[in-house]
Amino acid sequence: MDAKLNKCSWIIHLFAVAHALSTFLLGRWGVSDEMVLSLLTITMIVLVTHIYGVPLEVSAAIAILFCFAGFYMGSYGGLWLEASGSPLLIEYSSSICTFVVTEIVGWAAALIAVKRKQ
């Protein structure tokens, strides 16, 4: 595996876990998670795109766009999981959905960064 891709993989997976854990804990404490998730998403995208030498202003634009996309996908994905009727999915729908959306957003940012360099 390419060293840059390996770094991206670690960053994306660690941030996906951090997103899911934040959602789970903040949900248990009754605290809104939007700000924390946005900051984590922006940080992840800047780190991933930096690996491929993407300028900071481009990284910031990608991060802002993907924060909106992540919020939209997360909100509706969580509702879809809750509608499944499974007690386990209902209990952890926010954390599961946040993990999956973070993986999607992270790998999309990495793909943009790789394609930008070609």
PDB file of N, CA and C in Angstrom:
ATOM      1  N   MET A   1       0.846  -1.183   0.000  1.00  0.00           N
ATOM      2  CA  MET A   1       0.000   0.000   0.000  1.00  0.00           C
ATOM      3  C   MET A   1       0.887   1.241   0.000  1.00  0.00           C
ATOM      4  N   ASP A   2       0.515   2.206  -0.771  1.00  0.00           N
ATOM      5  CA  ASP A   2       1.195   3.485  -0.847  1.00  0.00           C
ATOM      6  C   ASP A   2       1.246   4.128   0.548  1.00  0.00           C
ATOM      7  N   ALA A   3       2.357   4.772   0.904  1.00  0.00           N
ATOM      8  CA  ALA A   3       2.524   5.370   2.234  1.00  0.00           C
ATOM      9  C   ALA A   3       1.502   6.490   2.478  1.00  0.00           C
ATOM     10  N   LYS A   4       1.242   7.286   1.447  1.00  0.00           N
ATOM     11  CA  LYS A   4       0.262   8.373   1.604  1.00  0.00           C
ATOM     12  C   LYS A   4      -1.139   7.810   1.808  1.00  0.00           C
ATOM     13  N   LEU A   5      -1.470   6.790   1.059  1.00  0.00           N
ATOM     14  CA  LEU A   5      -2.779   6.158   1.199  1.00  0.00           C
ATOM     15  C   LEU A   5      -2.920   5.509   2.572  1.00  0.00           C
ATOM     16  N   ASN A   6      -1.857   4.933   3.074  1.00  0.00           N
ATOM     17  CA  ASN A   6      -1.861   4.336   4.405  1.00  0.00           C
ATOM     18  C   ASN A   6      -2.113   5.393   5.481  1.00  0.00           C
ATOM     19  N   LYS A   7      -1.462   6.552   5.351  1.00  0.00           N
ATOM     20  CA  LYS A   7      -1.693   7.654   6.301  1.00  0.00           C
ATOM     21  C   LYS A   7      -3.157   8.114   6.245  1.00  0.00           C
ATOM     22  N   CYS A   8      -3.658   8.262   5.025  1.00  0.00           N
ATOM     23  CA  CYS A   8      -5.060   8.677   4.856  1.00  0.00           C
ATOM     24  C   CYS A   8      -5.996   7.669   5.507  1.00  0.00           C
ATOM     25  N   SER A   9      -5.722   6.408   5.301  1.00  0.00           N
ATOM     26  CA  SER A   9      -6.555   5.354   5.867  1.00  0.00           C
ATOM     27  C   SER A   9      -6.611   5.464   7.386  1.00  0.00           C
ATOM     28  N   TRP A  10      -5.457   5.604   8.013  1.00  0.00           N
ATOM     29  CA  TRP A  10      -5.418   5.740   9.472  1.00  0.00           C
ATOM     30  C   TRP A  10      -6.187   6.975   9.941  1.00  0.00           C
ATOM     31  N   ILE A  11      -5.957   8.102   9.272  1.00  0.00           N
ATOM     32  CA  ILE A  11      -6.637   9.341   9.660  1.00  0.00           C
ATOM     33  C   ILE A  11      -8.150   9.190   9.541  1.00  0.00           C
ATOM     34  N   ILE A  12      -8.601   8.678   8.418  1.00  0.00           N
ATOM     35  CA  ILE A  12     -10.043   8.557   8.184  1.00  0.00           C
ATOM     36  C   ILE A  12     -10.682   7.602   9.183  1.00  0.00           C
ATOM     37  N   HIS A  13     -10.078   6.458   9.404  1.00  0.00           N
ATOM     38  CA  HIS A  13     -10.656   5.489  10.337  1.00  0.00           C
ATOM     39  C   HIS A  13     -10.661   6.022  11.772  1.00  0.00           C
ATOM     40  N   LEU A  14      -9.584   6.670  12.190  1.00  0.00           N
ATOM     41  CA  LEU A  14      -9.540   7.234  13.550  1.00  0.00           C
ATOM     42  C   LEU A  14     -10.569   8.343  13.736  1.00  0.00           C
ATOM     43  N   PHE A  15     -10.712   9.188  12.722  1.00  0.00           N
ATOM     44  CA  PHE A  15     -11.711  10.248  12.826  1.00  0.00           C
ATOM     45  C   PHE A  15     -13.136   9.694  12.776  1.00  0.00           C
ATOM     46  N   ALA A  16     -13.356   8.620  12.030  1.00  0.00           N
ATOM     47  CA  ALA A  16     -14.685   7.993  12.016  1.00  0.00           C
ATOM     48  C   ALA A  16     -15.032   7.464  13.408  1.00  0.00           C
ATOM     49  N   VAL A  17     -14.063   6.856  14.062  1.00  0.00           N
ATOM     50  CA  VAL A  17     -14.290   6.378  15.434  1.00  0.00           C
ATOM     51  C   VAL A  17     -14.519   7.561  16.378  1.00  0.00           C
ATOM     52  N   ALA A  18     -13.726   8.623  16.226  1.00  0.00           N
ATOM     53  CA  ALA A  18     -13.897   9.809  17.069  1.00  0.00           C
ATOM     54  C   ALA A  18     -15.272  10.443  16.856  1.00  0.00           C
ATOM     55  N   HIS A  19     -15.729  10.486  15.613  1.00  0.00           N
ATOM     56  CA  HIS A  19     -17.068  11.017  15.319  1.00  0.00           C
ATOM     57  C   HIS A  19     -18.147  10.181  16.010  1.00  0.00           C
ATOM     58  N   ALA A  20     -18.055   8.867  15.841  1.00  0.00           N
ATOM     59  CA  ALA A  20     -19.069   7.978  16.421  1.00  0.00           C
ATOM     60  C   ALA A  20     -19.067   8.066  17.942  1.00  0.00           C
ATOM     61  N   LEU A  21     -17.886   8.086  18.539  1.00  0.00           N
ATOM     62  CA  LEU A  21     -17.785   8.183  19.992  1.00  0.00           C
ATOM     63  C   LEU A  21     -18.328   9.519  20.498  1.00  0.00           C
ATOM     64  N   SER A  22     -18.004  10.596  19.791  1.00  0.00           N
ATOM     65  CA  SER A  22     -18.525  11.913  20.170  1.00  0.00           C
ATOM     66  C   SER A  22     -20.048  11.944  20.109  1.00  0.00           C
ATOM     67  N   THR A  23     -20.591  11.399  19.033  1.00  0.00           N
ATOM     68  CA  THR A  23     -22.049  11.363  18.884  1.00  0.00           C
ATOM     69  C   THR A  23     -22.693  10.550  20.004  1.00  0.00           C
ATOM     70  N   PHE A  24     -22.103   9.409  20.298  1.00  0.00           N
ATOM     71  CA  PHE A  24     -22.648   8.544  21.340  1.00  0.00           C
ATOM     72  C   PHE A  24     -22.615   9.243  22.705  1.00  0.00           C
ATOM     73  N   LEU A  25     -21.463   9.777  23.076  1.00  0.00           N
ATOM     74  CA  LEU A  25     -21.324  10.396  24.404  1.00  0.00           C
ATOM     75  C   LEU A  25     -22.143  11.680  24.534  1.00  0.00           C
ATOM     76  N   LEU A  26     -22.065  12.540  23.532  1.00  0.00           N
ATOM     77  CA  LEU A  26     -22.820  13.789  23.606  1.00  0.00           C
ATOM     78  C   LEU A  26     -24.326  13.523  23.603  1.00  0.00           C
ATOM     79  N   GLY A  27     -24.755  12.496  22.873  1.00  0.00           N
ATOM     80  CA  GLY A  27     -26.166  12.117  22.886  1.00  0.00           C
ATOM     81  C   GLY A  27     -26.609  11.646  24.256  1.00  0.00           C
ATOM     82  N   ARG A  28     -25.748  10.908  24.932  1.00  0.00           N
ATOM     83  CA  ARG A  28     -26.072  10.421  26.286  1.00  0.00           C
ATOM     84  C   ARG A  28     -26.162  11.566  27.287  1.00  0.00           C
ATOM     85  N   TRP A  29     -25.351  12.600  27.065  1.00  0.00           N
ATOM     86  CA  TRP A  29     -25.348  13.750  27.972  1.00  0.00           C
ATOM     87  C   TRP A  29     -26.363  14.815  27.567  1.00  0.00           C
ATOM     88  N   GLY A  30     -27.052  14.603  26.464  1.00  0.00           N
ATOM     89  CA  GLY A  30     -28.064  15.552  26.009  1.00  0.00           C
ATOM     90  C   GLY A  30     -27.478  16.832  25.436  1.00  0.00           C
ATOM     91  N   VAL A  31     -26.261  16.747  24.890  1.00  0.00           N
ATOM     92  CA  VAL A  31     -25.581  17.908  24.324  1.00  0.00           C
ATOM     93  C   VAL A  31     -25.595  17.792  22.804  1.00  0.00           C
ATOM     94  N   SER A  32     -25.804  18.900  22.138  1.00  0.00           N
ATOM     95  CA  SER A  32     -25.804  18.914  20.680  1.00  0.00           C
ATOM     96  C   SER A  32     -24.399  18.605  20.158  1.00  0.00           C
ATOM     97  N   ASP A  33     -24.328  17.816  19.086  1.00  0.00           N
ATOM     98  CA  ASP A  33     -23.023  17.388  18.575  1.00  0.00           C
ATOM     99  C   ASP A  33     -22.593  18.090  17.288  1.00  0.00           C
ATOM    100  N   GLU A  34     -23.387  19.007  16.766  1.00  0.00           N
ATOM    101  CA  GLU A  34     -23.085  19.616  15.472  1.00  0.00           C
ATOM    102  C   GLU A  34     -21.731  20.302  15.433  1.00  0.00           C
ATOM    103  N   MET A  35     -21.408  21.097  16.458  1.00  0.00           N
ATOM    104  CA  MET A  35     -20.151  21.843  16.463  1.00  0.00           C
ATOM    105  C   MET A  35     -18.949  20.899  16.538  1.00  0.00           C
ATOM    106  N   VAL A  36     -19.027  19.916  17.414  1.00  0.00           N
ATOM    107  CA  VAL A  36     -17.922  18.964  17.570  1.00  0.00           C
ATOM    108  C   VAL A  36     -17.706  18.188  16.271  1.00  0.00           C
ATOM    109  N   LEU A  37     -18.782  17.701  15.677  1.00  0.00           N
ATOM    110  CA  LEU A  37     -18.653  16.933  14.437  1.00  0.00           C
ATOM    111  C   LEU A  37     -18.120  17.794  13.298  1.00  0.00           C
ATOM    112  N   SER A  38     -18.545  19.039  13.224  1.00  0.00           N
ATOM    113  CA  SER A  38     -18.039  19.939  12.179  1.00  0.00           C
ATOM    114  C   SER A  38     -16.542  20.182  12.339  1.00  0.00           C
ATOM    115  N   LEU A  39     -16.104  20.427  13.571  1.00  0.00           N
ATOM    116  CA  LEU A  39     -14.675  20.643  13.819  1.00  0.00           C
ATOM    117  C   LEU A  39     -13.851  19.394  13.506  1.00  0.00           C
ATOM    118  N   LEU A  40     -14.361  18.243  13.891  1.00  0.00           N
ATOM    119  CA  LEU A  40     -13.666  16.993  13.572  1.00  0.00           C
ATOM    120  C   LEU A  40     -13.593  16.762  12.061  1.00  0.00           C
ATOM    121  N   THR A  41     -14.690  17.043  11.366  1.00  0.00           N
ATOM    122  CA  THR A  41     -14.723  16.855   9.910  1.00  0.00           C
ATOM    123  C   THR A  41     -13.744  17.785   9.212  1.00  0.00           C
ATOM    124  N   ILE A  42     -13.744  19.042   9.600  1.00  0.00           N
ATOM    125  CA  ILE A  42     -12.827  20.009   8.997  1.00  0.00           C
ATOM    126  C   ILE A  42     -11.385  19.587   9.234  1.00  0.00           C
ATOM    127  N   THR A  43     -11.066  19.197  10.452  1.00  0.00           N
ATOM    128  CA  THR A  43      -9.703  18.760  10.775  1.00  0.00           C
ATOM    129  C   THR A  43      -9.309  17.543   9.953  1.00  0.00           C
ATOM    130  N   MET A  44     -10.195  16.571   9.867  1.00  0.00           N
ATOM    131  CA  MET A  44      -9.903  15.361   9.095  1.00  0.00           C
ATOM    132  C   MET A  44      -9.618  15.696   7.641  1.00  0.00           C
ATOM    133  N   ILE A  45     -10.455  16.512   7.041  1.00  0.00           N
ATOM    134  CA  ILE A  45     -10.298  16.827   5.623  1.00  0.00           C
ATOM    135  C   ILE A  45      -9.021  17.618   5.369  1.00  0.00           C
ATOM    136  N   VAL A  46      -8.703  18.563   6.241  1.00  0.00           N
ATOM    137  CA  VAL A  46      -7.463  19.331   6.084  1.00  0.00           C
ATOM    138  C   VAL A  46      -6.250  18.400   6.194  1.00  0.00           C
ATOM    139  N   LEU A  47      -6.274  17.475   7.150  1.00  0.00           N
ATOM    140  CA  LEU A  47      -5.159  16.531   7.298  1.00  0.00           C
ATOM    141  C   LEU A  47      -5.025  15.613   6.079  1.00  0.00           C
ATOM    142  N   VAL A  48      -6.141  15.087   5.614  1.00  0.00           N
ATOM    143  CA  VAL A  48      -6.110  14.166   4.471  1.00  0.00           C
ATOM    144  C   VAL A  48      -5.633  14.878   3.206  1.00  0.00           C
ATOM    145  N   THR A  49      -6.143  16.055   2.947  1.00  0.00           N
ATOM    146  CA  THR A  49      -5.751  16.769   1.731  1.00  0.00           C
ATOM    147  C   THR A  49      -4.319  17.308   1.833  1.00  0.00           C
ATOM    148  N   HIS A  50      -3.865  17.614   3.043  1.00  0.00           N
ATOM    149  CA  HIS A  50      -2.485  18.087   3.242  1.00  0.00           C
ATOM    150  C   HIS A  50      -1.468  17.009   2.841  1.00  0.00           C
ATOM    151  N   ILE A  51      -1.815  15.762   3.073  1.00  0.00           N
ATOM    152  CA  ILE A  51      -0.922  14.654   2.710  1.00  0.00           C
ATOM    153  C   ILE A  51      -0.585  14.701   1.224  1.00  0.00           C
ATOM    154  N   TYR A  52      -1.529  15.123   0.415  1.00  0.00           N
ATOM    155  CA  TYR A  52      -1.322  15.189  -1.031  1.00  0.00           C
ATOM    156  C   TYR A  52      -0.958  16.592  -1.517  1.00  0.00           C
ATOM    157  N   GLY A  53      -0.647  17.493  -0.595  1.00  0.00           N
ATOM    158  CA  GLY A  53      -0.174  18.817  -0.972  1.00  0.00           C
ATOM    159  C   GLY A  53      -1.228  19.762  -1.498  1.00  0.00           C
ATOM    160  N   VAL A  54      -2.467  19.541  -1.135  1.00  0.00           N
ATOM    161  CA  VAL A  54      -3.540  20.435  -1.566  1.00  0.00           C
ATOM    162  C   VAL A  54      -3.426  21.739  -0.761  1.00  0.00           C
ATOM    163  N   PRO A  55      -3.497  22.902  -1.417  1.00  0.00           N
ATOM    164  CA  PRO A  55      -3.405  24.166  -0.696  1.00  0.00           C
ATOM    165  C   PRO A  55      -4.518  24.312   0.351  1.00  0.00           C
ATOM    166  N   LEU A  56      -4.204  25.043   1.401  1.00  0.00           N
ATOM    167  CA  LEU A  56      -5.141  25.172   2.520  1.00  0.00           C
ATOM    168  C   LEU A  56      -6.476  25.777   2.099  1.00  0.00           C
ATOM    169  N   GLU A  57      -6.469  26.753   1.202  1.00  0.00           N
ATOM    170  CA  GLU A  57      -7.741  27.370   0.799  1.00  0.00           C
ATOM    171  C   GLU A  57      -8.630  26.378   0.046  1.00  0.00           C
ATOM    172  N   VAL A  58      -8.033  25.476  -0.712  1.00  0.00           N
ATOM    173  CA  VAL A  58      -8.803  24.441  -1.400  1.00  0.00           C
ATOM    174  C   VAL A  58      -9.316  23.423  -0.381  1.00  0.00           C
ATOM    175  N   SER A  59      -8.459  23.054   0.563  1.00  0.00           N
ATOM    176  CA  SER A  59      -8.870  22.131   1.635  1.00  0.00           C
ATOM    177  C   SER A  59     -10.036  22.700   2.423  1.00  0.00           C
ATOM    178  N   ALA A  60      -9.967  23.991   2.728  1.00  0.00           N
ATOM    179  CA  ALA A  60     -11.044  24.641   3.483  1.00  0.00           C
ATOM    180  C   ALA A  60     -12.353  24.624   2.703  1.00  0.00           C
ATOM    181  N   ALA A  61     -12.276  24.864   1.410  1.00  0.00           N
ATOM    182  CA  ALA A  61     -13.489  24.840   0.582  1.00  0.00           C
ATOM    183  C   ALA A  61     -14.093  23.435   0.545  1.00  0.00           C
ATOM    184  N   ILE A  62     -13.238  22.433   0.397  1.00  0.00           N
ATOM    185  CA  ILE A  62     -13.716  21.046   0.402  1.00  0.00           C
ATOM    186  C   ILE A  62     -14.336  20.725   1.756  1.00  0.00           C
ATOM    187  N   ALA A  63     -13.681  21.168   2.834  1.00  0.00           N
ATOM    188  CA  ALA A  63     -14.162  20.878   4.188  1.00  0.00           C
ATOM    189  C   ALA A  63     -15.530  21.504   4.443  1.00  0.00           C
ATOM    190  N   ILE A  64     -15.709  22.741   4.029  1.00  0.00           N
ATOM    191  CA  ILE A  64     -17.001  23.407   4.236  1.00  0.00           C
ATOM    192  C   ILE A  64     -18.098  22.692   3.444  1.00  0.00           C
ATOM    193  N   LEU A  65     -17.806  22.382   2.199  1.00  0.00           N
ATOM    194  CA  LEU A  65     -18.784  21.673   1.369  1.00  0.00           C
ATOM    195  C   LEU A  65     -19.143  20.324   1.979  1.00  0.00           C
ATOM    196  N   PHE A  66     -18.128  19.592   2.431  1.00  0.00           N
ATOM    197  CA  PHE A  66     -18.371  18.258   2.980  1.00  0.00           C
ATOM    198  C   PHE A  66     -19.013  18.303   4.361  1.00  0.00           C
ATOM    199  N   CYS A  67     -18.850  19.396   5.094  1.00  0.00           N
ATOM    200  CA  CYS A  67     -19.576  19.528   6.369  1.00  0.00           C
ATOM    201  C   CYS A  67     -21.082  19.589   6.110  1.00  0.00           C
ATOM    202  N   PHE A  68     -21.460  20.359   5.100  1.00  0.00           N
ATOM    203  CA  PHE A  68     -22.878  20.423   4.737  1.00  0.00           C
ATOM    204  C   PHE A  68     -23.376  19.071   4.235  1.00  0.00           C
ATOM    205  N   ALA A  69     -22.592  18.438   3.372  1.00  0.00           N
ATOM    206  CA  ALA A  69     -22.986  17.138   2.833  1.00  0.00           C
ATOM    207  C   ALA A  69     -23.076  16.099   3.947  1.00  0.00           C
ATOM    208  N   GLY A  70     -22.113  16.107   4.864  1.00  0.00           N
ATOM    209  CA  GLY A  70     -22.115  15.165   5.981  1.00  0.00           C
ATOM    210  C   GLY A  70     -23.312  15.372   6.895  1.00  0.00           C
ATOM    211  N   PHE A  71     -23.650  16.631   7.154  1.00  0.00           N
ATOM    212  CA  PHE A  71     -24.812  16.924   7.993  1.00  0.00           C
ATOM    213  C   PHE A  71     -26.085  16.394   7.339  1.00  0.00           C
ATOM    214  N   TYR A  72     -26.218  16.637   6.046  1.00  0.00           N
ATOM    215  CA  TYR A  72     -27.404  16.185   5.316  1.00  0.00           C
ATOM    216  C   TYR A  72     -27.491  14.654   5.293  1.00  0.00           C
ATOM    217  N   MET A  73     -26.380  14.017   4.917  1.00  0.00           N
ATOM    218  CA  MET A  73     -26.373  12.546   4.849  1.00  0.00           C
ATOM    219  C   MET A  73     -26.588  11.941   6.230  1.00  0.00           C
ATOM    220  N   GLY A  74     -25.970  12.521   7.246  1.00  0.00           N
ATOM    221  CA  GLY A  74     -26.098  12.003   8.604  1.00  0.00           C
ATOM    222  C   GLY A  74     -27.511  12.137   9.146  1.00  0.00           C
ATOM    223  N   SER A  75     -28.118  13.287   8.899  1.00  0.00           N
ATOM    224  CA  SER A  75     -29.477  13.522   9.397  1.00  0.00           C
ATOM    225  C   SER A  75     -30.474  12.546   8.790  1.00  0.00           C
ATOM    226  N   TYR A  76     -30.431  12.410   7.481  1.00  0.00           N
ATOM    227  CA  TYR A  76     -31.399  11.540   6.817  1.00  0.00           C
ATOM    228  C   TYR A  76     -31.033  10.070   6.948  1.00  0.00           C
ATOM    229  N   GLY A  77     -29.752   9.776   7.020  1.00  0.00           N
ATOM    230  CA  GLY A  77     -29.338   8.389   7.230  1.00  0.00           C
ATOM    231  C   GLY A  77     -29.760   7.886   8.596  1.00  0.00           C
ATOM    232  N   GLY A  78     -29.640   8.749   9.604  1.00  0.00           N
ATOM    233  CA  GLY A  78     -30.071   8.376  10.952  1.00  0.00           C
ATOM    234  C   GLY A  78     -31.571   8.120  11.013  1.00  0.00           C
ATOM    235  N   LEU A  79     -32.340   8.936  10.320  1.00  0.00           N
ATOM    236  CA  LEU A  79     -33.795   8.728  10.279  1.00  0.00           C
ATOM    237  C   LEU A  79     -34.134   7.419   9.582  1.00  0.00           C
ATOM    238  N   TRP A  80     -33.392   7.094   8.533  1.00  0.00           N
ATOM    239  CA  TRP A  80     -33.621   5.847   7.801  1.00  0.00           C
ATOM    240  C   TRP A  80     -33.319   4.649   8.696  1.00  0.00           C
ATOM    241  N   LEU A  81     -32.220   4.722   9.469  1.00  0.00           N
ATOM    242  CA  LEU A  81     -31.890   3.626  10.379  1.00  0.00           C
ATOM    243  C   LEU A  81     -32.943   3.476  11.478  1.00  0.00           C
ATOM    244  N   GLU A  82     -33.424   4.607  11.989  1.00  0.00           N
ATOM    245  CA  GLU A  82     -34.454   4.555  13.037  1.00  0.00           C
ATOM    246  C   GLU A  82     -35.755   3.964  12.512  1.00  0.00           C
ATOM    247  N   ALA A  83     -36.039   4.198  11.237  1.00  0.00           N
ATOM    248  CA  ALA A  83     -37.267   3.677  10.641  1.00  0.00           C
ATOM    249  C   ALA A  83     -37.206   2.172  10.424  1.00  0.00           C
ATOM    250  N   SER A  84     -36.031   1.584  10.565  1.00  0.00           N
ATOM    251  CA  SER A  84     -35.887   0.141  10.351  1.00  0.00           C
ATOM    252  C   SER A  84     -36.661  -0.665  11.384  1.00  0.00           C
ATOM    253  N   GLY A  85     -36.852  -0.078  12.558  1.00  0.00           N
ATOM    254  CA  GLY A  85     -37.605  -0.758  13.602  1.00  0.00           C
ATOM    255  C   GLY A  85     -36.757  -1.646  14.493  1.00  0.00           C
ATOM    256  N   SER A  86     -35.508  -1.853  14.160  1.00  0.00           N
ATOM    257  CA  SER A  86     -34.623  -2.680  14.970  1.00  0.00           C
ATOM    258  C   SER A  86     -34.211  -1.911  16.229  1.00  0.00           C
ATOM    259  N   PRO A  87     -34.461  -2.466  17.414  1.00  0.00           N
ATOM    260  CA  PRO A  87     -34.098  -1.754  18.654  1.00  0.00           C
ATOM    261  C   PRO A  87     -32.614  -1.408  18.727  1.00  0.00           C
ATOM    262  N   LEU A  88     -31.758  -2.292  18.246  1.00  0.00           N
ATOM    263  CA  LEU A  88     -30.319  -2.040  18.279  1.00  0.00           C
ATOM    264  C   LEU A  88     -29.951  -0.886  17.350  1.00  0.00           C
ATOM    265  N   LEU A  89     -30.539  -0.882  16.153  1.00  0.00           N
ATOM    266  CA  LEU A  89     -30.257   0.201  15.213  1.00  0.00           C
ATOM    267  C   LEU A  89     -30.819   1.526  15.705  1.00  0.00           C
ATOM    268  N   ILE A  90     -31.981   1.480  16.332  1.00  0.00           N
ATOM    269  CA  ILE A  90     -32.569   2.706  16.868  1.00  0.00           C
ATOM    270  C   ILE A  90     -31.686   3.276  17.964  1.00  0.00           C
ATOM    271  N   GLU A  91     -31.193   2.417  18.838  1.00  0.00           N
ATOM    272  CA  GLU A  91     -30.357   2.846  19.967  1.00  0.00           C
ATOM    273  C   GLU A  91     -29.061   3.516  19.501  1.00  0.00           C
ATOM    274  N   TYR A  92     -28.448   2.949  18.483  1.00  0.00           N
ATOM    275  CA  TYR A  92     -27.141   3.430  18.047  1.00  0.00           C
ATOM    276  C   TYR A  92     -27.165   4.052  16.648  1.00  0.00           C
ATOM    277  N   SER A  93     -28.326   4.461  16.172  1.00  0.00           N
ATOM    278  CA  SER A  93     -28.439   4.953  14.797  1.00  0.00           C
ATOM    279  C   SER A  93     -27.556   6.168  14.534  1.00  0.00           C
ATOM    280  N   SER A  94     -27.493   7.087  15.468  1.00  0.00           N
ATOM    281  CA  SER A  94     -26.677   8.286  15.264  1.00  0.00           C
ATOM    282  C   SER A  94     -25.202   7.939  15.159  1.00  0.00           C
ATOM    283  N   SER A  95     -24.730   7.079  16.034  1.00  0.00           N
ATOM    284  CA  SER A  95     -23.309   6.708  16.022  1.00  0.00           C
ATOM    285  C   SER A  95     -22.950   5.905  14.774  1.00  0.00           C
ATOM    286  N   ILE A  96     -23.797   4.967  14.402  1.00  0.00           N
ATOM    287  CA  ILE A  96     -23.548   4.155  13.212  1.00  0.00           C
ATOM    288  C   ILE A  96     -23.522   5.027  11.970  1.00  0.00           C
ATOM    289  N   CYS A  97     -24.526   5.866  11.845  1.00  0.00           N
ATOM    290  CA  CYS A  97     -24.634   6.730  10.674  1.00  0.00           C
ATOM    291  C   CYS A  97     -23.467   7.716  10.617  1.00  0.00           C
ATOM    292  N   THR A  98     -23.086   8.267  11.756  1.00  0.00           N
ATOM    293  CA  THR A  98     -21.966   9.204  11.801  1.00  0.00           C
ATOM    294  C   THR A  98     -20.677   8.528  11.365  1.00  0.00           C
ATOM    295  N   PHE A  99     -20.453   7.292  11.816  1.00  0.00           N
ATOM    296  CA  PHE A  99     -19.255   6.546  11.424  1.00  0.00           C
ATOM    297  C   PHE A  99     -19.218   6.349   9.914  1.00  0.00           C
ATOM    298  N   VAL A 100     -20.322   5.888   9.341  1.00  0.00           N
ATOM    299  CA  VAL A 100     -20.381   5.598   7.899  1.00  0.00           C
ATOM    300  C   VAL A 100     -20.221   6.881   7.082  1.00  0.00           C
ATOM    301  N   VAL A 101     -20.903   7.933   7.477  1.00  0.00           N
ATOM    302  CA  VAL A 101     -20.813   9.198   6.742  1.00  0.00           C
ATOM    303  C   VAL A 101     -19.397   9.764   6.814  1.00  0.00           C
ATOM    304  N   THR A 102     -18.748   9.649   7.955  1.00  0.00           N
ATOM    305  CA  THR A 102     -17.373  10.138   8.081  1.00  0.00           C
ATOM    306  C   THR A 102     -16.438   9.368   7.163  1.00  0.00           C
ATOM    307  N   GLU A 103     -16.625   8.068   7.068  1.00  0.00           N
ATOM    308  CA  GLU A 103     -15.811   7.269   6.147  1.00  0.00           C
ATOM    309  C   GLU A 103     -16.041   7.733   4.698  1.00  0.00           C
ATOM    310  N   ILE A 104     -17.284   7.931   4.322  1.00  0.00           N
ATOM    311  CA  ILE A 104     -17.609   8.374   2.959  1.00  0.00           C
ATOM    312  C   ILE A 104     -16.980   9.732   2.670  1.00  0.00           C
ATOM    313  N   VAL A 105     -17.165  10.673   3.580  1.00  0.00           N
ATOM    314  CA  VAL A 105     -16.640  12.030   3.398  1.00  0.00           C
ATOM    315  C   VAL A 105     -15.105  12.009   3.366  1.00  0.00           C
ATOM    316  N   GLY A 106     -14.499  11.245   4.257  1.00  0.00           N
ATOM    317  CA  GLY A 106     -13.044  11.177   4.299  1.00  0.00           C
ATOM    318  C   GLY A 106     -12.445  10.615   3.020  1.00  0.00           C
ATOM    319  N   TRP A 107     -13.019   9.512   2.534  1.00  0.00           N
ATOM    320  CA  TRP A 107     -12.498   8.908   1.310  1.00  0.00           C
ATOM    321  C   TRP A 107     -12.812   9.758   0.087  1.00  0.00           C
ATOM    322  N   ALA A 108     -13.911  10.484   0.102  1.00  0.00           N
ATOM    323  CA  ALA A 108     -14.217  11.401  -1.006  1.00  0.00           C
ATOM    324  C   ALA A 108     -13.184  12.532  -1.044  1.00  0.00           C
ATOM    325  N   ALA A 109     -12.815  13.050   0.115  1.00  0.00           N
ATOM    326  CA  ALA A 109     -11.792  14.099   0.185  1.00  0.00           C
ATOM    327  C   ALA A 109     -10.446  13.566  -0.298  1.00  0.00           C
ATOM    328  N   ALA A 110     -10.116  12.341   0.096  1.00  0.00           N
ATOM    329  CA  ALA A 110      -8.862  11.731  -0.347  1.00  0.00           C
ATOM    330  C   ALA A 110      -8.866  11.540  -1.864  1.00  0.00           C
ATOM    331  N   LEU A 111      -9.982  11.114  -2.415  1.00  0.00           N
ATOM    332  CA  LEU A 111     -10.089  10.920  -3.860  1.00  0.00           C
ATOM    333  C   LEU A 111      -9.918  12.251  -4.594  1.00  0.00           C
ATOM    334  N   ILE A 112     -10.537  13.292  -4.093  1.00  0.00           N
ATOM    335  CA  ILE A 112     -10.379  14.620  -4.705  1.00  0.00           C
ATOM    336  C   ILE A 112      -8.924  15.052  -4.657  1.00  0.00           C
ATOM    337  N   ALA A 113      -8.265  14.834  -3.511  1.00  0.00           N
ATOM    338  CA  ALA A 113      -6.873  15.222  -3.366  1.00  0.00           C
ATOM    339  C   ALA A 113      -5.971  14.451  -4.331  1.00  0.00           C
ATOM    340  N   VAL A 114      -6.220  13.155  -4.463  1.00  0.00           N
ATOM    341  CA  VAL A 114      -5.407  12.330  -5.367  1.00  0.00           C
ATOM    342  C   VAL A 114      -5.633  12.762  -6.823  1.00  0.00           C
ATOM    343  N   LYS A 115      -6.874  12.945  -7.209  1.00  0.00           N
ATOM    344  CA  LYS A 115      -7.198  13.315  -8.588  1.00  0.00           C
ATOM    345  C   LYS A 115      -6.676  14.721  -8.923  1.00  0.00           C
ATOM    346  N   ARG A 116      -6.648  15.603  -7.925  1.00  0.00           N
ATOM    347  CA  ARG A 116      -6.165  16.957  -8.127  1.00  0.00           C
ATOM    348  C   ARG A 116      -4.684  16.969  -8.463  1.00  0.00           C
ATOM    349  N   LYS A 117      -3.947  16.012  -7.896  1.00  0.00           N
ATOM    350  CA  LYS A 117      -2.496  15.949  -8.119  1.00  0.00           C
ATOM    351  C   LYS A 117      -2.140  15.312  -9.460  1.00  0.00           C
ATOM    352  N   GLN A 118      -3.076  14.625 -10.077  1.00  0.00           N
ATOM    353  CA  GLN A 118      -2.770  13.927 -11.340  1.00  0.00           C
ATOM    354  C   GLN A 118      -2.890  14.850 -12.529  1.00  0.00           C
TER     355      GLN A 118
END
